[in-house]
């Protein structure tokens, strides 16, 4: 496996771990602003990793990257407002 393949594998494993943490928090019945904020931060991180690695936006010019990051921020903010 080449360097890009190992990077994709590491990112995929990180996505799985973050997803399992989110699942465990839900199964444990955890709640509150701090937990929700942490989970939404993990959603933002996962979305950015997907955009950078699997969508190939890591090396593109700023406008395209900022559009995806802005969209992620808007969605996560709206979800956070809905749950607060």
PDB file of N, CA and C in Angstrom:
ATOM      1  N   UNK A   1       0.848  -1.168   0.000  1.00  0.00           N
ATOM      2  CA  UNK A   1       0.000   0.000   0.000  1.00  0.00           C
ATOM      3  C   UNK A   1       0.897   1.235   0.000  1.00  0.00           C
ATOM      4  N   UNK A   2       0.516   2.223  -0.784  1.00  0.00           N
ATOM      5  CA  UNK A   2       1.321   3.440  -0.868  1.00  0.00           C
ATOM      6  C   UNK A   2       0.958   4.418   0.255  1.00  0.00           C
ATOM      7  N   UNK A   3       1.636   5.564   0.240  1.00  0.00           N
ATOM      8  CA  UNK A   3       1.466   6.556   1.303  1.00  0.00           C
ATOM      9  C   UNK A   3       0.029   7.083   1.364  1.00  0.00           C
ATOM     10  N   UNK A   4      -0.563   7.334   0.206  1.00  0.00           N
ATOM     11  CA  UNK A   4      -1.944   7.836   0.174  1.00  0.00           C
ATOM     12  C   UNK A   4      -2.918   6.785   0.707  1.00  0.00           C
ATOM     13  N   UNK A   5      -2.634   5.524   0.423  1.00  0.00           N
ATOM     14  CA  UNK A   5      -3.484   4.452   0.919  1.00  0.00           C
ATOM     15  C   UNK A   5      -3.446   4.343   2.437  1.00  0.00           C
ATOM     16  N   UNK A   6      -2.243   4.489   3.010  1.00  0.00           N
ATOM     17  CA  UNK A   6      -2.122   4.462   4.467  1.00  0.00           C
ATOM     18  C   UNK A   6      -2.816   5.664   5.103  1.00  0.00           C
ATOM     19  N   UNK A   7      -2.714   6.811   4.447  1.00  0.00           N
ATOM     20  CA  UNK A   7      -3.393   8.010   4.962  1.00  0.00           C
ATOM     21  C   UNK A   7      -4.901   7.803   4.952  1.00  0.00           C
ATOM     22  N   UNK A   8      -5.423   7.274   3.860  1.00  0.00           N
ATOM     23  CA  UNK A   8      -6.859   7.019   3.780  1.00  0.00           C
ATOM     24  C   UNK A   8      -7.291   6.003   4.833  1.00  0.00           C
ATOM     25  N   UNK A   9      -6.466   4.997   5.069  1.00  0.00           N
ATOM     26  CA  UNK A   9      -6.790   3.998   6.086  1.00  0.00           C
ATOM     27  C   UNK A   9      -6.812   4.620   7.482  1.00  0.00           C
ATOM     28  N   UNK A  10      -5.822   5.467   7.783  1.00  0.00           N
ATOM     29  CA  UNK A  10      -5.794   6.138   9.092  1.00  0.00           C
ATOM     30  C   UNK A  10      -7.013   7.038   9.280  1.00  0.00           C
ATOM     31  N   UNK A  11      -7.370   7.770   8.240  1.00  0.00           N
ATOM     32  CA  UNK A  11      -8.537   8.648   8.329  1.00  0.00           C
ATOM     33  C   UNK A  11      -9.799   7.814   8.504  1.00  0.00           C
ATOM     34  N   UNK A  12      -9.904   6.725   7.782  1.00  0.00           N
ATOM     35  CA  UNK A  12     -11.074   5.857   7.906  1.00  0.00           C
ATOM     36  C   UNK A  12     -11.180   5.304   9.325  1.00  0.00           C
ATOM     37  N   UNK A  13     -10.055   4.871   9.885  1.00  0.00           N
ATOM     38  CA  UNK A  13     -10.062   4.368  11.262  1.00  0.00           C
ATOM     39  C   UNK A  13     -10.466   5.466  12.247  1.00  0.00           C
ATOM     40  N   UNK A  14      -9.994   6.690  12.032  1.00  0.00           N
ATOM     41  CA  UNK A  14     -10.384   7.803  12.896  1.00  0.00           C
ATOM     42  C   UNK A  14     -11.882   8.064  12.788  1.00  0.00           C
ATOM     43  N   UNK A  15     -12.423   7.965  11.575  1.00  0.00           N
ATOM     44  CA  UNK A  15     -13.865   8.143  11.385  1.00  0.00           C
ATOM     45  C   UNK A  15     -14.651   7.070  12.127  1.00  0.00           C
ATOM     46  N   UNK A  16     -14.170   5.849  12.070  1.00  0.00           N
ATOM     47  CA  UNK A  16     -14.839   4.752  12.775  1.00  0.00           C
ATOM     48  C   UNK A  16     -14.793   4.987  14.279  1.00  0.00           C
ATOM     49  N   UNK A  17     -13.634   5.390  14.804  1.00  0.00           N
ATOM     50  CA  UNK A  17     -13.502   5.622  16.241  1.00  0.00           C
ATOM     51  C   UNK A  17     -14.430   6.751  16.690  1.00  0.00           C
ATOM     52  N   UNK A  18     -14.445   7.861  15.962  1.00  0.00           N
ATOM     53  CA  UNK A  18     -15.326   8.969  16.324  1.00  0.00           C
ATOM     54  C   UNK A  18     -16.796   8.564  16.256  1.00  0.00           C
ATOM     55  N   UNK A  19     -17.144   7.750  15.269  1.00  0.00           N
ATOM     56  CA  UNK A  19     -18.518   7.272  15.161  1.00  0.00           C
ATOM     57  C   UNK A  19     -18.874   6.367  16.334  1.00  0.00           C
ATOM     58  N   UNK A  20     -17.962   5.496  16.724  1.00  0.00           N
ATOM     59  CA  UNK A  20     -18.212   4.617  17.866  1.00  0.00           C
ATOM     60  C   UNK A  20     -18.338   5.401  19.173  1.00  0.00           C
ATOM     61  N   UNK A  21     -17.561   6.468  19.318  1.00  0.00           N
ATOM     62  CA  UNK A  21     -17.685   7.322  20.505  1.00  0.00           C
ATOM     63  C   UNK A  21     -19.068   7.974  20.534  1.00  0.00           C
ATOM     64  N   UNK A  22     -19.523   8.448  19.395  1.00  0.00           N
ATOM     65  CA  UNK A  22     -20.851   9.047  19.304  1.00  0.00           C
ATOM     66  C   UNK A  22     -21.924   8.026  19.638  1.00  0.00           C
ATOM     67  N   UNK A  23     -21.791   6.834  19.103  1.00  0.00           N
ATOM     68  CA  UNK A  23     -22.740   5.758  19.372  1.00  0.00           C
ATOM     69  C   UNK A  23     -22.759   5.409  20.863  1.00  0.00           C
ATOM     70  N   UNK A  24     -21.574   5.295  21.464  1.00  0.00           N
ATOM     71  CA  UNK A  24     -21.483   4.951  22.880  1.00  0.00           C
ATOM     72  C   UNK A  24     -22.113   6.030  23.754  1.00  0.00           C
ATOM     73  N   UNK A  25     -21.916   7.281  23.391  1.00  0.00           N
ATOM     74  CA  UNK A  25     -22.530   8.372  24.157  1.00  0.00           C
ATOM     75  C   UNK A  25     -24.053   8.294  24.077  1.00  0.00           C
ATOM     76  N   UNK A  26     -24.572   7.960  22.909  1.00  0.00           N
ATOM     77  CA  UNK A  26     -26.022   7.814  22.762  1.00  0.00           C
ATOM     78  C   UNK A  26     -26.564   6.631  23.536  1.00  0.00           C
ATOM     79  N   UNK A  27     -25.861   5.515  23.471  1.00  0.00           N
ATOM     80  CA  UNK A  27     -26.305   4.312  24.196  1.00  0.00           C
ATOM     81  C   UNK A  27     -26.251   4.510  25.704  1.00  0.00           C
ATOM     82  N   UNK A  28     -25.284   5.315  26.171  1.00  0.00           N
ATOM     83  CA  UNK A  28     -25.150   5.561  27.601  1.00  0.00           C
ATOM     84  C   UNK A  28     -26.154   6.603  28.093  1.00  0.00           C
ATOM     85  N   UNK A  29     -26.864   7.231  27.172  1.00  0.00           N
ATOM     86  CA  UNK A  29     -27.860   8.227  27.547  1.00  0.00           C
ATOM     87  C   UNK A  29     -27.263   9.553  27.989  1.00  0.00           C
ATOM     88  N   UNK A  30     -26.044   9.821  27.554  1.00  0.00           N
ATOM     89  CA  UNK A  30     -25.394  11.069  27.933  1.00  0.00           C
ATOM     90  C   UNK A  30     -26.062  12.237  27.233  1.00  0.00           C
ATOM     91  N   UNK A  31     -26.104  13.363  27.898  1.00  0.00           N
ATOM     92  CA  UNK A  31     -26.727  14.552  27.323  1.00  0.00           C
ATOM     93  C   UNK A  31     -26.116  15.799  27.920  1.00  0.00           C
ATOM     94  N   UNK A  32     -26.726  16.892  27.653  1.00  0.00           N
ATOM     95  CA  UNK A  32     -26.236  18.176  28.150  1.00  0.00           C
ATOM     96  C   UNK A  32     -25.457  18.915  27.090  1.00  0.00           C
ATOM     97  N   UNK A  33     -25.281  20.180  27.349  1.00  0.00           N
ATOM     98  CA  UNK A  33     -24.602  21.043  26.365  1.00  0.00           C
ATOM     99  C   UNK A  33     -23.165  20.613  26.077  1.00  0.00           C
ATOM    100  N   UNK A  34     -22.456  20.206  27.095  1.00  0.00           N
ATOM    101  CA  UNK A  34     -21.055  19.818  26.901  1.00  0.00           C
ATOM    102  C   UNK A  34     -20.944  18.583  26.014  1.00  0.00           C
ATOM    103  N   UNK A  35     -21.776  17.593  26.255  1.00  0.00           N
ATOM    104  CA  UNK A  35     -21.747  16.367  25.444  1.00  0.00           C
ATOM    105  C   UNK A  35     -22.169  16.668  24.013  1.00  0.00           C
ATOM    106  N   UNK A  36     -23.252  17.431  23.871  1.00  0.00           N
ATOM    107  CA  UNK A  36     -23.723  17.766  22.523  1.00  0.00           C
ATOM    108  C   UNK A  36     -22.671  18.581  21.772  1.00  0.00           C
ATOM    109  N   UNK A  37     -22.031  19.511  22.462  1.00  0.00           N
ATOM    110  CA  UNK A  37     -20.970  20.308  21.819  1.00  0.00           C
ATOM    111  C   UNK A  37     -19.820  19.420  21.365  1.00  0.00           C
ATOM    112  N   UNK A  38     -19.430  18.476  22.208  1.00  0.00           N
ATOM    113  CA  UNK A  38     -18.360  17.555  21.823  1.00  0.00           C
ATOM    114  C   UNK A  38     -18.733  16.685  20.643  1.00  0.00           C
ATOM    115  N   UNK A  39     -19.968  16.205  20.636  1.00  0.00           N
ATOM    116  CA  UNK A  39     -20.417  15.369  19.527  1.00  0.00           C
ATOM    117  C   UNK A  39     -20.503  16.168  18.230  1.00  0.00           C
ATOM    118  N   UNK A  40     -20.980  17.407  18.324  1.00  0.00           N
ATOM    119  CA  UNK A  40     -21.039  18.240  17.119  1.00  0.00           C
ATOM    120  C   UNK A  40     -19.647  18.605  16.625  1.00  0.00           C
ATOM    121  N   UNK A  41     -18.711  18.774  17.544  1.00  0.00           N
ATOM    122  CA  UNK A  41     -17.324  19.005  17.131  1.00  0.00           C
ATOM    123  C   UNK A  41     -16.766  17.788  16.401  1.00  0.00           C
ATOM    124  N   UNK A  42     -17.109  16.593  16.892  1.00  0.00           N
ATOM    125  CA  UNK A  42     -16.648  15.382  16.202  1.00  0.00           C
ATOM    126  C   UNK A  42     -17.282  15.274  14.817  1.00  0.00           C
ATOM    127  N   UNK A  43     -18.529  15.705  14.678  1.00  0.00           N
ATOM    128  CA  UNK A  43     -19.181  15.708  13.366  1.00  0.00           C
ATOM    129  C   UNK A  43     -18.454  16.659  12.421  1.00  0.00           C
ATOM    130  N   UNK A  44     -18.087  17.826  12.926  1.00  0.00           N
ATOM    131  CA  UNK A  44     -17.359  18.798  12.112  1.00  0.00           C
ATOM    132  C   UNK A  44     -15.998  18.245  11.688  1.00  0.00           C
ATOM    133  N   UNK A  45     -15.304  17.623  12.601  1.00  0.00           N
ATOM    134  CA  UNK A  45     -13.990  17.032  12.297  1.00  0.00           C
ATOM    135  C   UNK A  45     -14.135  15.916  11.269  1.00  0.00           C
ATOM    136  N   UNK A  46     -15.133  15.054  11.457  1.00  0.00           N
ATOM    137  CA  UNK A  46     -15.335  13.962  10.504  1.00  0.00           C
ATOM    138  C   UNK A  46     -15.670  14.502   9.118  1.00  0.00           C
ATOM    139  N   UNK A  47     -16.533  15.500   9.054  1.00  0.00           N
ATOM    140  CA  UNK A  47     -16.887  16.087   7.762  1.00  0.00           C
ATOM    141  C   UNK A  47     -15.696  16.695   7.058  1.00  0.00           C
ATOM    142  N   UNK A  48     -14.846  17.372   7.836  1.00  0.00           N
ATOM    143  CA  UNK A  48     -13.660  17.982   7.232  1.00  0.00           C
ATOM    144  C   UNK A  48     -12.673  16.913   6.760  1.00  0.00           C
ATOM    145  N   UNK A  49     -12.532  15.829   7.526  1.00  0.00           N
ATOM    146  CA  UNK A  49     -11.642  14.748   7.089  1.00  0.00           C
ATOM    147  C   UNK A  49     -12.159  14.105   5.811  1.00  0.00           C
ATOM    148  N   UNK A  50     -13.462  13.907   5.720  1.00  0.00           N
ATOM    149  CA  UNK A  50     -14.044  13.330   4.506  1.00  0.00           C
ATOM    150  C   UNK A  50     -13.789  14.249   3.319  1.00  0.00           C
ATOM    151  N   UNK A  51     -14.015  15.554   3.511  1.00  0.00           N
ATOM    152  CA  UNK A  51     -13.801  16.509   2.422  1.00  0.00           C
ATOM    153  C   UNK A  51     -12.332  16.551   1.998  1.00  0.00           C
ATOM    154  N   UNK A  52     -11.431  16.552   2.963  1.00  0.00           N
ATOM    155  CA  UNK A  52     -10.008  16.664   2.645  1.00  0.00           C
ATOM    156  C   UNK A  52      -9.451  15.415   1.977  1.00  0.00           C
ATOM    157  N   UNK A  53      -9.755  14.256   2.532  1.00  0.00           N
ATOM    158  CA  UNK A  53      -9.100  13.031   2.073  1.00  0.00           C
ATOM    159  C   UNK A  53      -9.912  12.327   0.993  1.00  0.00           C
ATOM    160  N   UNK A  54     -11.172  12.042   1.273  1.00  0.00           N
ATOM    161  CA  UNK A  54     -11.943  11.213   0.349  1.00  0.00           C
ATOM    162  C   UNK A  54     -12.544  12.006  -0.807  1.00  0.00           C
ATOM    163  N   UNK A  55     -12.776  13.303  -0.614  1.00  0.00           N
ATOM    164  CA  UNK A  55     -13.238  14.136  -1.720  1.00  0.00           C
ATOM    165  C   UNK A  55     -12.077  14.822  -2.428  1.00  0.00           C
ATOM    166  N   UNK A  56     -10.884  14.713  -1.861  1.00  0.00           N
ATOM    167  CA  UNK A  56      -9.683  15.253  -2.495  1.00  0.00           C
ATOM    168  C   UNK A  56      -9.569  16.763  -2.443  1.00  0.00           C
ATOM    169  N   UNK A  57     -10.138  17.403  -1.430  1.00  0.00           N
ATOM    170  CA  UNK A  57     -10.101  18.855  -1.363  1.00  0.00           C
ATOM    171  C   UNK A  57      -8.917  19.413  -0.572  1.00  0.00           C
ATOM    172  N   UNK A  58      -8.035  18.547  -0.096  1.00  0.00           N
ATOM    173  CA  UNK A  58      -6.898  19.003   0.709  1.00  0.00           C
ATOM    174  C   UNK A  58      -5.994  19.944  -0.082  1.00  0.00           C
ATOM    175  N   UNK A  59      -5.752  19.658  -1.333  1.00  0.00           N
ATOM    176  CA  UNK A  59      -4.817  20.454  -2.108  1.00  0.00           C
ATOM    177  C   UNK A  59      -5.437  21.430  -3.088  1.00  0.00           C
ATOM    178  N   UNK A  60      -6.736  21.654  -3.007  1.00  0.00           N
ATOM    179  CA  UNK A  60      -7.373  22.575  -3.951  1.00  0.00           C
ATOM    180  C   UNK A  60      -7.330  24.008  -3.436  1.00  0.00           C
ATOM    181  N   UNK A  61      -7.671  24.906  -4.326  1.00  0.00           N
ATOM    182  CA  UNK A  61      -7.653  26.319  -3.962  1.00  0.00           C
ATOM    183  C   UNK A  61      -8.681  26.628  -2.886  1.00  0.00           C
ATOM    184  N   UNK A  62      -8.433  27.718  -2.208  1.00  0.00           N
ATOM    185  CA  UNK A  62      -9.235  28.082  -1.042  1.00  0.00           C
ATOM    186  C   UNK A  62     -10.740  28.197  -1.260  1.00  0.00           C
ATOM    187  N   UNK A  63     -11.230  28.809  -2.329  1.00  0.00           N
ATOM    188  CA  UNK A  63     -12.688  28.989  -2.402  1.00  0.00           C
ATOM    189  C   UNK A  63     -13.471  27.670  -2.287  1.00  0.00           C
ATOM    190  N   UNK A  64     -13.010  26.625  -2.923  1.00  0.00           N
ATOM    191  CA  UNK A  64     -13.747  25.363  -2.873  1.00  0.00           C
ATOM    192  C   UNK A  64     -13.677  24.734  -1.489  1.00  0.00           C
ATOM    193  N   UNK A  65     -12.519  24.797  -0.904  1.00  0.00           N
ATOM    194  CA  UNK A  65     -12.374  24.251   0.443  1.00  0.00           C
ATOM    195  C   UNK A  65     -13.193  25.027   1.451  1.00  0.00           C
ATOM    196  N   UNK A  66     -13.180  26.353   1.338  1.00  0.00           N
ATOM    197  CA  UNK A  66     -13.935  27.172   2.280  1.00  0.00           C
ATOM    198  C   UNK A  66     -15.434  27.008   2.099  1.00  0.00           C
ATOM    199  N   UNK A  67     -15.869  26.733   0.877  1.00  0.00           N
ATOM    200  CA  UNK A  67     -17.305  26.500   0.662  1.00  0.00           C
ATOM    201  C   UNK A  67     -17.765  25.255   1.411  1.00  0.00           C
ATOM    202  N   UNK A  68     -16.996  24.190   1.335  1.00  0.00           N
ATOM    203  CA  UNK A  68     -17.360  22.955   2.035  1.00  0.00           C
ATOM    204  C   UNK A  68     -17.282  23.159   3.540  1.00  0.00           C
ATOM    205  N   UNK A  69     -16.224  23.812   4.012  1.00  0.00           N
ATOM    206  CA  UNK A  69     -16.083  24.070   5.443  1.00  0.00           C
ATOM    207  C   UNK A  69     -17.201  24.976   5.940  1.00  0.00           C
ATOM    208  N   UNK A  70     -17.552  25.991   5.163  1.00  0.00           N
ATOM    209  CA  UNK A  70     -18.660  26.874   5.534  1.00  0.00           C
ATOM    210  C   UNK A  70     -19.975  26.138   5.609  1.00  0.00           C
ATOM    211  N   UNK A  71     -20.213  25.255   4.642  1.00  0.00           N
ATOM    212  CA  UNK A  71     -21.435  24.455   4.652  1.00  0.00           C
ATOM    213  C   UNK A  71     -21.481  23.572   5.896  1.00  0.00           C
ATOM    214  N   UNK A  72     -20.354  22.948   6.233  1.00  0.00           N
ATOM    215  CA  UNK A  72     -20.288  22.122   7.436  1.00  0.00           C
ATOM    216  C   UNK A  72     -20.595  22.945   8.691  1.00  0.00           C
ATOM    217  N   UNK A  73     -20.011  24.132   8.775  1.00  0.00           N
ATOM    218  CA  UNK A  73     -20.253  24.986   9.934  1.00  0.00           C
ATOM    219  C   UNK A  73     -21.716  25.390  10.046  1.00  0.00           C
ATOM    220  N   UNK A  74     -22.335  25.719   8.922  1.00  0.00           N
ATOM    221  CA  UNK A  74     -23.751  26.105   8.934  1.00  0.00           C
ATOM    222  C   UNK A  74     -24.613  24.946   9.412  1.00  0.00           C
ATOM    223  N   UNK A  75     -24.381  23.764   8.867  1.00  0.00           N
ATOM    224  CA  UNK A  75     -25.196  22.601   9.244  1.00  0.00           C
ATOM    225  C   UNK A  75     -25.004  22.260  10.720  1.00  0.00           C
ATOM    226  N   UNK A  76     -23.755  22.224  11.188  1.00  0.00           N
ATOM    227  CA  UNK A  76     -23.494  21.882  12.585  1.00  0.00           C
ATOM    228  C   UNK A  76     -24.069  22.960  13.511  1.00  0.00           C
ATOM    229  N   UNK A  77     -23.972  24.214  13.126  1.00  0.00           N
ATOM    230  CA  UNK A  77     -24.539  25.286  13.941  1.00  0.00           C
ATOM    231  C   UNK A  77     -26.048  25.176  14.032  1.00  0.00           C
ATOM    232  N   UNK A  78     -26.706  24.907  12.908  1.00  0.00           N
ATOM    233  CA  UNK A  78     -28.163  24.757  12.930  1.00  0.00           C
ATOM    234  C   UNK A  78     -28.598  23.577  13.777  1.00  0.00           C
ATOM    235  N   UNK A  79     -27.871  22.474  13.708  1.00  0.00           N
ATOM    236  CA  UNK A  79     -28.195  21.322  14.548  1.00  0.00           C
ATOM    237  C   UNK A  79     -27.975  21.679  16.020  1.00  0.00           C
ATOM    238  N   UNK A  80     -26.894  22.387  16.315  1.00  0.00           N
ATOM    239  CA  UNK A  80     -26.632  22.795  17.693  1.00  0.00           C
ATOM    240  C   UNK A  80     -27.708  23.723  18.226  1.00  0.00           C
ATOM    241  N   UNK A  81     -28.173  24.639  17.413  1.00  0.00           N
ATOM    242  CA  UNK A  81     -29.251  25.542  17.826  1.00  0.00           C
ATOM    243  C   UNK A  81     -30.542  24.759  18.055  1.00  0.00           C
ATOM    244  N   UNK A  82     -30.793  23.786  17.215  1.00  0.00           N
ATOM    245  CA  UNK A  82     -32.023  22.996  17.356  1.00  0.00           C
ATOM    246  C   UNK A  82     -32.017  22.174  18.648  1.00  0.00           C
ATOM    247  N   UNK A  83     -30.852  21.763  19.124  1.00  0.00           N
ATOM    248  CA  UNK A  83     -30.771  20.942  20.329  1.00  0.00           C
ATOM    249  C   UNK A  83     -30.531  21.738  21.607  1.00  0.00           C
ATOM    250  N   UNK A  84     -30.398  23.053  21.481  1.00  0.00           N
ATOM    251  CA  UNK A  84     -30.166  23.841  22.704  1.00  0.00           C
ATOM    252  C   UNK A  84     -31.421  24.526  23.188  1.00  0.00           C
TER     253      UNK A  84
END
